[in-house]
């Protein structure tokens, strides 16, 4: 379909180009509607995980605080 879109653009087939562009616009919405449950559960799972959870030692935390305070001053 993408190749057909590119070929229609190169050959100047404006009607076919318009149809294919609208086809792709509609399919994006259709895919979201069809997979809405999977998208919602995936986003919920992503929100429950702590992506940036890093366990730092007390010395490392103090070093980070010192660096931040030095940068501020």
N, C-alpha and C. Protein backbone atom coordinates (compact mmCIF):
# COMPACT_ATOMS: atom_id res chain seq x y z
N UNK A 1 0.82 -1.19 0.00
CA UNK A 1 0.00 0.00 0.00
C UNK A 1 0.87 1.26 0.00
N UNK A 2 1.95 1.22 0.75
CA UNK A 2 2.84 2.38 0.80
C UNK A 2 3.52 2.58 -0.55
N UNK A 3 3.90 1.46 -1.18
CA UNK A 3 4.52 1.55 -2.50
C UNK A 3 3.52 2.12 -3.51
N UNK A 4 2.26 1.69 -3.42
CA UNK A 4 1.23 2.22 -4.31
C UNK A 4 1.04 3.72 -4.09
N UNK A 5 1.11 4.15 -2.85
CA UNK A 5 1.00 5.57 -2.54
C UNK A 5 2.16 6.35 -3.17
N UNK A 6 3.36 5.83 -3.03
CA UNK A 6 4.53 6.51 -3.60
C UNK A 6 4.46 6.53 -5.12
N UNK A 7 4.05 5.41 -5.72
CA UNK A 7 3.96 5.35 -7.18
C UNK A 7 2.90 6.31 -7.69
N UNK A 8 1.76 6.37 -7.00
CA UNK A 8 0.70 7.29 -7.44
C UNK A 8 1.14 8.74 -7.31
N UNK A 9 1.97 9.01 -6.32
CA UNK A 9 2.47 10.38 -6.16
C UNK A 9 3.45 10.72 -7.28
N UNK A 10 4.34 9.78 -7.61
CA UNK A 10 5.34 10.01 -8.65
C UNK A 10 4.67 10.15 -10.02
N UNK A 11 3.68 9.32 -10.28
CA UNK A 11 3.02 9.35 -11.59
C UNK A 11 1.96 10.43 -11.69
N UNK A 12 1.67 11.11 -10.61
CA UNK A 12 0.69 12.20 -10.65
C UNK A 12 -0.75 11.71 -10.67
N UNK A 13 -1.00 10.53 -10.14
CA UNK A 13 -2.36 10.01 -10.09
C UNK A 13 -3.04 10.58 -8.84
N UNK A 14 -3.62 11.73 -8.98
CA UNK A 14 -4.11 12.48 -7.84
C UNK A 14 -5.28 11.80 -7.13
N UNK A 15 -6.20 11.21 -7.90
CA UNK A 15 -7.36 10.57 -7.28
C UNK A 15 -6.92 9.35 -6.46
N UNK A 16 -6.07 8.52 -7.04
CA UNK A 16 -5.57 7.35 -6.32
C UNK A 16 -4.76 7.78 -5.10
N UNK A 17 -3.98 8.82 -5.26
CA UNK A 17 -3.19 9.35 -4.15
C UNK A 17 -4.12 9.82 -3.03
N UNK A 18 -5.19 10.52 -3.36
CA UNK A 18 -6.14 11.01 -2.36
C UNK A 18 -6.83 9.84 -1.66
N UNK A 19 -7.22 8.82 -2.43
CA UNK A 19 -7.88 7.65 -1.85
C UNK A 19 -6.96 6.91 -0.88
N UNK A 20 -5.71 6.73 -1.26
CA UNK A 20 -4.78 6.02 -0.40
C UNK A 20 -4.46 6.81 0.87
N UNK A 21 -4.34 8.12 0.76
CA UNK A 21 -4.09 8.94 1.95
C UNK A 21 -5.26 8.84 2.92
N UNK A 22 -6.48 8.92 2.42
CA UNK A 22 -7.65 8.80 3.28
C UNK A 22 -7.77 7.40 3.86
N UNK A 23 -7.38 6.39 3.08
CA UNK A 23 -7.40 5.02 3.56
C UNK A 23 -6.49 4.87 4.77
N UNK A 24 -5.28 5.43 4.70
CA UNK A 24 -4.34 5.33 5.81
C UNK A 24 -4.85 6.11 7.03
N UNK A 25 -5.49 7.24 6.82
CA UNK A 25 -6.02 8.02 7.93
C UNK A 25 -7.10 7.24 8.67
N UNK A 26 -7.95 6.58 7.94
CA UNK A 26 -9.03 5.80 8.56
C UNK A 26 -8.46 4.58 9.28
N UNK A 27 -7.47 3.93 8.70
CA UNK A 27 -6.93 2.72 9.31
C UNK A 27 -6.23 2.99 10.63
N UNK A 28 -5.66 4.15 10.81
CA UNK A 28 -5.06 4.49 12.10
C UNK A 28 -6.13 4.49 13.18
N UNK A 29 -7.27 5.08 12.88
CA UNK A 29 -8.37 5.11 13.85
C UNK A 29 -8.91 3.71 14.08
N UNK A 30 -9.05 2.92 13.03
CA UNK A 30 -9.56 1.56 13.15
C UNK A 30 -8.64 0.71 14.02
N UNK A 31 -7.35 0.84 13.85
CA UNK A 31 -6.40 0.06 14.65
C UNK A 31 -6.51 0.44 16.12
N UNK A 32 -6.65 1.72 16.42
CA UNK A 32 -6.79 2.15 17.81
C UNK A 32 -8.07 1.58 18.40
N UNK A 33 -9.17 1.60 17.65
CA UNK A 33 -10.44 1.07 18.16
C UNK A 33 -10.35 -0.44 18.36
N UNK A 34 -9.77 -1.15 17.42
CA UNK A 34 -9.68 -2.61 17.53
C UNK A 34 -8.81 -3.02 18.71
N UNK A 35 -7.70 -2.36 18.90
CA UNK A 35 -6.76 -2.75 19.95
C UNK A 35 -6.87 -1.89 21.19
N UNK A 36 -8.01 -1.25 21.44
CA UNK A 36 -8.11 -0.34 22.57
C UNK A 36 -7.92 -1.07 23.89
N UNK A 37 -8.43 -2.29 24.03
CA UNK A 37 -8.26 -3.02 25.30
C UNK A 37 -6.78 -3.33 25.55
N UNK A 38 -6.10 -3.80 24.52
CA UNK A 38 -4.68 -4.12 24.67
C UNK A 38 -3.86 -2.87 24.94
N UNK A 39 -4.18 -1.77 24.26
CA UNK A 39 -3.47 -0.52 24.50
C UNK A 39 -3.69 -0.02 25.92
N UNK A 40 -4.95 -0.09 26.38
CA UNK A 40 -5.26 0.38 27.73
C UNK A 40 -4.56 -0.46 28.78
N UNK A 41 -4.59 -1.79 28.63
CA UNK A 41 -3.93 -2.65 29.63
C UNK A 41 -2.41 -2.47 29.58
N UNK A 42 -1.87 -2.28 28.38
CA UNK A 42 -0.43 -2.04 28.28
C UNK A 42 0.00 -0.73 28.92
N UNK A 43 -0.80 0.32 28.71
CA UNK A 43 -0.48 1.61 29.35
C UNK A 43 -0.65 1.54 30.86
N UNK A 44 -1.66 0.78 31.32
CA UNK A 44 -1.85 0.62 32.77
C UNK A 44 -0.67 -0.12 33.39
N UNK A 45 -0.21 -1.17 32.70
CA UNK A 45 0.94 -1.91 33.19
C UNK A 45 2.19 -1.05 33.20
N UNK A 46 2.34 -0.23 32.20
CA UNK A 46 3.49 0.67 32.12
C UNK A 46 3.46 1.69 33.25
N UNK A 47 2.26 2.16 33.60
CA UNK A 47 2.12 3.13 34.68
C UNK A 47 2.37 2.54 36.05
N UNK A 48 2.20 1.23 36.20
CA UNK A 48 2.41 0.59 37.50
C UNK A 48 3.87 0.30 37.76
N UNK A 49 4.65 0.15 36.73
CA UNK A 49 6.06 -0.17 36.91
C UNK A 49 6.85 1.09 37.21
N UNK A 50 7.86 0.92 38.00
CA UNK A 50 8.75 2.04 38.31
C UNK A 50 9.94 1.95 37.35
N UNK A 51 9.85 2.73 36.27
CA UNK A 51 10.88 2.65 35.24
C UNK A 51 12.22 3.21 35.70
N UNK A 52 12.16 4.21 36.55
CA UNK A 52 13.39 4.89 36.94
C UNK A 52 13.80 4.55 38.36
N UNK A 53 13.37 3.39 38.85
CA UNK A 53 13.70 2.98 40.21
C UNK A 53 15.15 2.51 40.23
N UNK A 54 15.97 3.23 40.95
CA UNK A 54 17.37 2.88 41.08
C UNK A 54 17.70 2.94 42.55
N UNK A 55 18.29 1.86 43.05
CA UNK A 55 18.66 1.87 44.47
C UNK A 55 20.07 2.43 44.61
N UNK A 56 20.17 3.54 45.30
CA UNK A 56 21.45 4.19 45.52
C UNK A 56 21.82 4.08 46.98
N UNK A 57 23.11 3.99 47.23
CA UNK A 57 23.59 3.99 48.60
C UNK A 57 23.55 5.40 49.17
N UNK A 58 23.70 5.49 50.48
CA UNK A 58 23.63 6.80 51.14
C UNK A 58 24.76 7.72 50.68
N UNK A 59 25.93 7.15 50.46
CA UNK A 59 27.06 7.95 49.98
C UNK A 59 26.83 8.49 48.58
N UNK A 60 26.21 7.68 47.73
CA UNK A 60 25.92 8.12 46.37
C UNK A 60 24.88 9.24 46.37
N UNK A 61 23.89 9.13 47.24
CA UNK A 61 22.87 10.17 47.33
C UNK A 61 23.48 11.48 47.80
N UNK A 62 24.36 11.40 48.80
CA UNK A 62 25.03 12.60 49.28
C UNK A 62 25.90 13.23 48.19
N UNK A 63 26.57 12.41 47.40
CA UNK A 63 27.41 12.92 46.32
C UNK A 63 26.55 13.62 45.27
N UNK A 64 25.40 13.05 44.96
CA UNK A 64 24.50 13.67 43.99
C UNK A 64 23.99 15.01 44.53
N UNK A 65 23.63 15.03 45.80
CA UNK A 65 23.13 16.28 46.41
C UNK A 65 24.22 17.35 46.39
N UNK A 66 25.47 16.94 46.69
CA UNK A 66 26.59 17.89 46.65
C UNK A 66 26.79 18.43 45.24
N UNK A 67 26.73 17.57 44.23
CA UNK A 67 26.89 18.02 42.85
C UNK A 67 25.79 19.00 42.44
N UNK A 68 24.56 18.70 42.83
CA UNK A 68 23.44 19.58 42.50
C UNK A 68 23.60 20.91 43.19
N UNK A 69 23.98 20.89 44.48
CA UNK A 69 24.13 22.17 45.20
C UNK A 69 25.30 22.98 44.64
N UNK A 70 26.38 22.31 44.23
CA UNK A 70 27.50 23.03 43.60
C UNK A 70 27.06 23.67 42.29
N UNK A 71 26.25 22.95 41.52
CA UNK A 71 25.78 23.48 40.25
C UNK A 71 24.86 24.68 40.48
N UNK A 72 24.07 24.64 41.54
CA UNK A 72 23.16 25.76 41.82
C UNK A 72 23.94 27.00 42.22
N UNK A 73 24.97 26.81 43.07
CA UNK A 73 25.76 27.96 43.49
C UNK A 73 26.61 28.46 42.35
